């Protein structure tokens, strides 16, 4: 499957700006709390995909210090920031499309905004792969922008120097893919995310159980 190497390079360039913008954002904290509440083990082993500078990892460990978290990202600069921000977690370079290469299983998987950088086929594989590496009763969390899945656009960073392709997904298709892979849906949340131009996107957060 062809991959957009430019997108991976762009994330490497955007690491510091991403940290400055999102490290202290609390917009999604209620959904992270719901994710933690769904996990049946206090000392659960968690896989985070697209961890960025460790903002979600940091929050999770503040709530559940007994979690063992493997935080992964494709961008080396994100991984380096994550190691500084969350020294208790383990960090590793990994593309979300290669999770099976870990040859390991987890009690829960969290992908905070990795799906917008996967197309429909890749997203279906992500869901199937997640089921395969989750332990029994394992929890899957992922988020994306809700819009017709045929729609995508090129977005530009605030400094105008970096662009990347963003994919949108429909809730109905995602829920069908979860059902196909025998996941049990726990919750669907929609968060209004304001954009600089005065409009807003609907951010879709899905939590399901194996």
Protein backbone atom coordinates (compact mmCIF):
# COMPACT_ATOMS: atom_id res chain seq x y z
CA UNK A 1 0.00 0.00 0.00
CA UNK A 2 1.43 3.36 -1.04
CA UNK A 3 2.11 5.75 1.83
CA UNK A 4 2.35 9.51 1.89
CA UNK A 5 5.93 10.01 3.06
CA UNK A 6 5.51 13.78 2.81
CA UNK A 7 2.85 13.67 5.53
CA UNK A 8 5.23 11.78 7.79
CA UNK A 9 7.96 14.34 7.16
CA UNK A 10 5.55 17.18 7.86
CA UNK A 11 4.62 15.78 11.28
CA UNK A 12 8.30 15.70 12.10
CA UNK A 13 8.52 19.42 11.29
CA UNK A 14 5.36 20.31 13.22
CA UNK A 15 6.24 18.63 16.52
CA UNK A 16 7.04 21.76 18.54
CA UNK A 17 4.07 23.71 17.18
CA UNK A 18 1.78 20.78 17.89
CA UNK A 19 3.06 20.58 21.45
CA UNK A 20 2.53 24.32 21.97
CA UNK A 21 -1.08 24.06 20.77
CA UNK A 22 -2.31 20.78 22.23
CA UNK A 23 -0.23 19.87 25.28
CA UNK A 24 -2.64 21.50 27.74
CA UNK A 25 -5.88 21.21 25.73
CA UNK A 26 -8.71 19.75 27.83
CA UNK A 27 -11.44 19.56 25.16
CA UNK A 28 -11.29 15.77 24.97
CA UNK A 29 -10.61 14.94 28.63
CA UNK A 30 -14.12 13.65 29.26
CA UNK A 31 -13.66 11.10 26.48
CA UNK A 32 -10.30 10.02 27.89
CA UNK A 33 -12.01 9.57 31.26
CA UNK A 34 -14.66 7.40 29.60
CA UNK A 35 -11.89 5.36 27.97
CA UNK A 36 -10.25 4.78 31.36
CA UNK A 37 -13.59 3.92 32.97
CA UNK A 38 -14.15 1.22 30.34
CA UNK A 39 -10.83 -0.51 31.00
CA UNK A 40 -11.27 -3.39 33.42
CA UNK A 41 -7.68 -3.53 34.76
CA UNK A 42 -6.09 -0.92 37.01
CA UNK A 43 -2.64 -1.92 35.74
CA UNK A 44 -3.67 -2.17 32.09
CA UNK A 45 -1.21 -2.27 29.22
CA UNK A 46 -2.13 0.51 26.79
CA UNK A 47 -1.01 1.11 23.21
CA UNK A 48 -1.27 4.71 22.05
CA UNK A 49 -1.03 5.36 18.33
CA UNK A 50 -0.04 8.77 16.97
CA UNK A 51 1.00 9.92 20.44
CA UNK A 52 2.51 13.23 19.30
CA UNK A 53 4.43 14.97 22.11
CA UNK A 54 2.72 12.80 24.73
CA UNK A 55 -0.21 15.03 25.62
CA UNK A 56 -2.76 12.19 25.93
CA UNK A 57 -0.24 9.81 27.49
CA UNK A 58 0.51 12.41 30.14
CA UNK A 59 -3.16 12.88 30.96
CA UNK A 60 -3.83 9.14 31.16
CA UNK A 61 -0.95 8.54 33.56
CA UNK A 62 -2.07 11.44 35.73
CA UNK A 63 -5.44 9.71 36.11
CA UNK A 64 -4.19 6.12 36.17
CA UNK A 65 -0.54 6.00 37.29
CA UNK A 66 -0.52 2.18 37.25
CA UNK A 67 -1.07 2.02 33.49
CA UNK A 68 1.81 0.74 31.38
CA UNK A 69 1.73 2.79 28.17
CA UNK A 70 3.57 2.15 24.92
CA UNK A 71 3.22 5.46 23.05
CA UNK A 72 4.00 5.38 19.34
CA UNK A 73 4.31 7.86 16.51
CA UNK A 74 5.84 8.04 13.02
CA UNK A 75 7.74 11.28 13.70
CA UNK A 76 11.08 11.05 15.55
CA UNK A 77 10.72 14.63 16.83
CA UNK A 78 7.35 13.77 18.40
CA UNK A 79 8.89 10.76 20.12
CA UNK A 80 11.73 12.86 21.52
CA UNK A 81 9.29 15.42 22.95
CA UNK A 82 7.17 12.62 24.39
CA UNK A 83 10.16 11.14 26.23
CA UNK A 84 10.79 14.53 27.83
CA UNK A 85 7.15 15.23 28.68
CA UNK A 86 6.25 11.77 30.00
CA UNK A 87 9.39 9.97 31.21
CA UNK A 88 7.32 7.22 32.82
CA UNK A 89 5.92 6.00 29.47
CA UNK A 90 7.68 3.93 26.85
CA UNK A 91 8.00 5.53 23.40
CA UNK A 92 8.63 3.88 20.07
CA UNK A 93 8.62 4.84 16.39
CA UNK A 94 5.71 3.08 14.68
CA UNK A 95 3.29 3.68 11.82
CA UNK A 96 -0.31 2.93 12.80
CA UNK A 97 -0.53 0.74 9.70
CA UNK A 98 2.18 -1.53 11.10
CA UNK A 99 0.77 -2.38 14.54
CA UNK A 100 0.84 -6.11 13.87
CA UNK A 101 4.63 -5.88 13.71
CA UNK A 102 4.64 -5.29 17.48
CA UNK A 103 3.83 -8.99 17.95
CA UNK A 104 2.19 -8.15 21.25
CA UNK A 105 -1.25 -7.73 22.78
CA UNK A 106 -2.78 -4.92 24.82
CA UNK A 107 -5.66 -4.27 27.19
CA UNK A 108 -6.58 -1.08 25.35
CA UNK A 109 -5.67 0.91 22.24
CA UNK A 110 -6.06 4.65 21.88
CA UNK A 111 -5.70 6.49 18.57
CA UNK A 112 -6.34 10.17 19.17
CA UNK A 113 -6.69 11.68 15.72
CA UNK A 114 -4.71 9.18 13.68
CA UNK A 115 -7.72 8.19 11.55
CA UNK A 116 -7.84 11.58 9.73
CA UNK A 117 -4.51 10.62 8.16
CA UNK A 118 -5.79 7.22 7.02
CA UNK A 119 -7.99 6.63 4.00
CA UNK A 120 -11.09 4.43 4.14
CA UNK A 121 -9.24 1.21 3.36
CA UNK A 122 -6.48 1.97 5.87
CA UNK A 123 -9.04 2.80 8.55
CA UNK A 124 -10.81 -0.52 8.03
CA UNK A 125 -7.45 -2.27 8.41
CA UNK A 126 -6.71 -0.26 11.57
CA UNK A 127 -9.95 -1.50 13.14
CA UNK A 128 -9.30 -5.11 12.11
CA UNK A 129 -5.69 -4.98 13.32
CA UNK A 130 -6.80 -3.47 16.64
CA UNK A 131 -9.18 -6.35 17.25
CA UNK A 132 -6.39 -8.81 16.56
CA UNK A 133 -3.96 -7.34 19.11
CA UNK A 134 -6.47 -6.52 21.85
CA UNK A 135 -6.87 -8.91 24.75
CA UNK A 136 -10.34 -10.23 25.55
CA UNK A 137 -12.65 -7.37 26.62
CA UNK A 138 -10.01 -4.91 25.37
CA UNK A 139 -11.02 -1.31 24.68
CA UNK A 140 -10.52 0.67 21.44
CA UNK A 141 -10.71 4.49 21.32
CA UNK A 142 -10.30 6.54 18.16
CA UNK A 143 -11.32 9.95 16.90
CA UNK A 144 -11.71 11.69 13.55
CA UNK A 145 -13.54 14.49 11.74
CA UNK A 146 -17.09 13.50 10.80
CA UNK A 147 -17.99 14.27 7.20
CA UNK A 148 -18.72 12.36 4.00
CA UNK A 149 -15.86 9.87 3.63
CA UNK A 150 -15.39 10.80 -0.01
CA UNK A 151 -14.34 14.27 1.15
CA UNK A 152 -10.79 15.23 1.92
CA UNK A 153 -8.80 18.42 1.78
CA UNK A 154 -5.31 19.79 2.03
CA UNK A 155 -4.76 21.72 5.24
CA UNK A 156 -2.00 24.25 5.88
CA UNK A 157 -0.19 24.88 9.16
CA UNK A 158 -0.69 28.21 10.91
CA UNK A 159 2.69 29.48 9.65
CA UNK A 160 1.79 28.53 6.08
CA UNK A 161 4.89 26.38 5.65
CA UNK A 162 3.46 22.87 5.86
CA UNK A 163 0.51 21.24 4.11
CA UNK A 164 -0.94 17.76 4.42
CA UNK A 165 -3.93 15.76 3.25
CA UNK A 166 -6.72 15.20 5.79
CA UNK A 167 -9.36 12.49 5.33
CA UNK A 168 -12.91 12.61 6.68
CA UNK A 169 -15.06 9.67 7.75
CA UNK A 170 -18.73 8.91 8.21
CA UNK A 171 -19.94 7.50 11.52
CA UNK A 172 -22.16 4.92 9.83
CA UNK A 173 -19.26 3.42 7.90
CA UNK A 174 -17.02 3.31 10.97
CA UNK A 175 -19.71 1.64 13.08
CA UNK A 176 -20.31 -0.91 10.33
CA UNK A 177 -16.60 -1.71 10.25
CA UNK A 178 -16.58 -2.15 14.05
CA UNK A 179 -19.56 -4.49 13.83
CA UNK A 180 -17.92 -6.47 11.03
CA UNK A 181 -14.90 -7.01 13.28
CA UNK A 182 -17.11 -8.09 16.21
CA UNK A 183 -16.53 -5.02 18.36
CA UNK A 184 -19.23 -4.00 20.83
CA UNK A 185 -19.93 -0.28 20.65
CA UNK A 186 -19.70 1.49 24.02
CA UNK A 187 -20.11 5.15 23.10
CA UNK A 188 -20.14 7.73 20.32
CA UNK A 189 -19.34 11.34 21.21
CA UNK A 190 -19.41 14.43 19.03
CA UNK A 191 -17.33 17.45 19.95
CA UNK A 192 -17.69 20.86 18.31
CA UNK A 193 -14.19 21.98 17.37
CA UNK A 194 -13.89 25.69 16.43
CA UNK A 195 -11.67 26.61 13.51
CA UNK A 196 -9.69 29.87 13.07
CA UNK A 197 -11.94 30.96 10.17
CA UNK A 198 -15.01 31.07 12.41
CA UNK A 199 -16.48 27.75 11.26
CA UNK A 200 -16.28 24.48 13.15
CA UNK A 201 -15.75 20.76 12.58
CA UNK A 202 -17.51 17.90 14.32
CA UNK A 203 -14.93 15.67 15.96
CA UNK A 204 -16.22 12.13 16.34
CA UNK A 205 -14.95 9.98 19.24
CA UNK A 206 -15.76 6.27 19.28
CA UNK A 207 -15.11 3.81 22.12
CA UNK A 208 -15.70 0.10 21.54
CA UNK A 209 -14.94 -3.19 23.28
CA UNK A 210 -13.63 -6.47 21.92
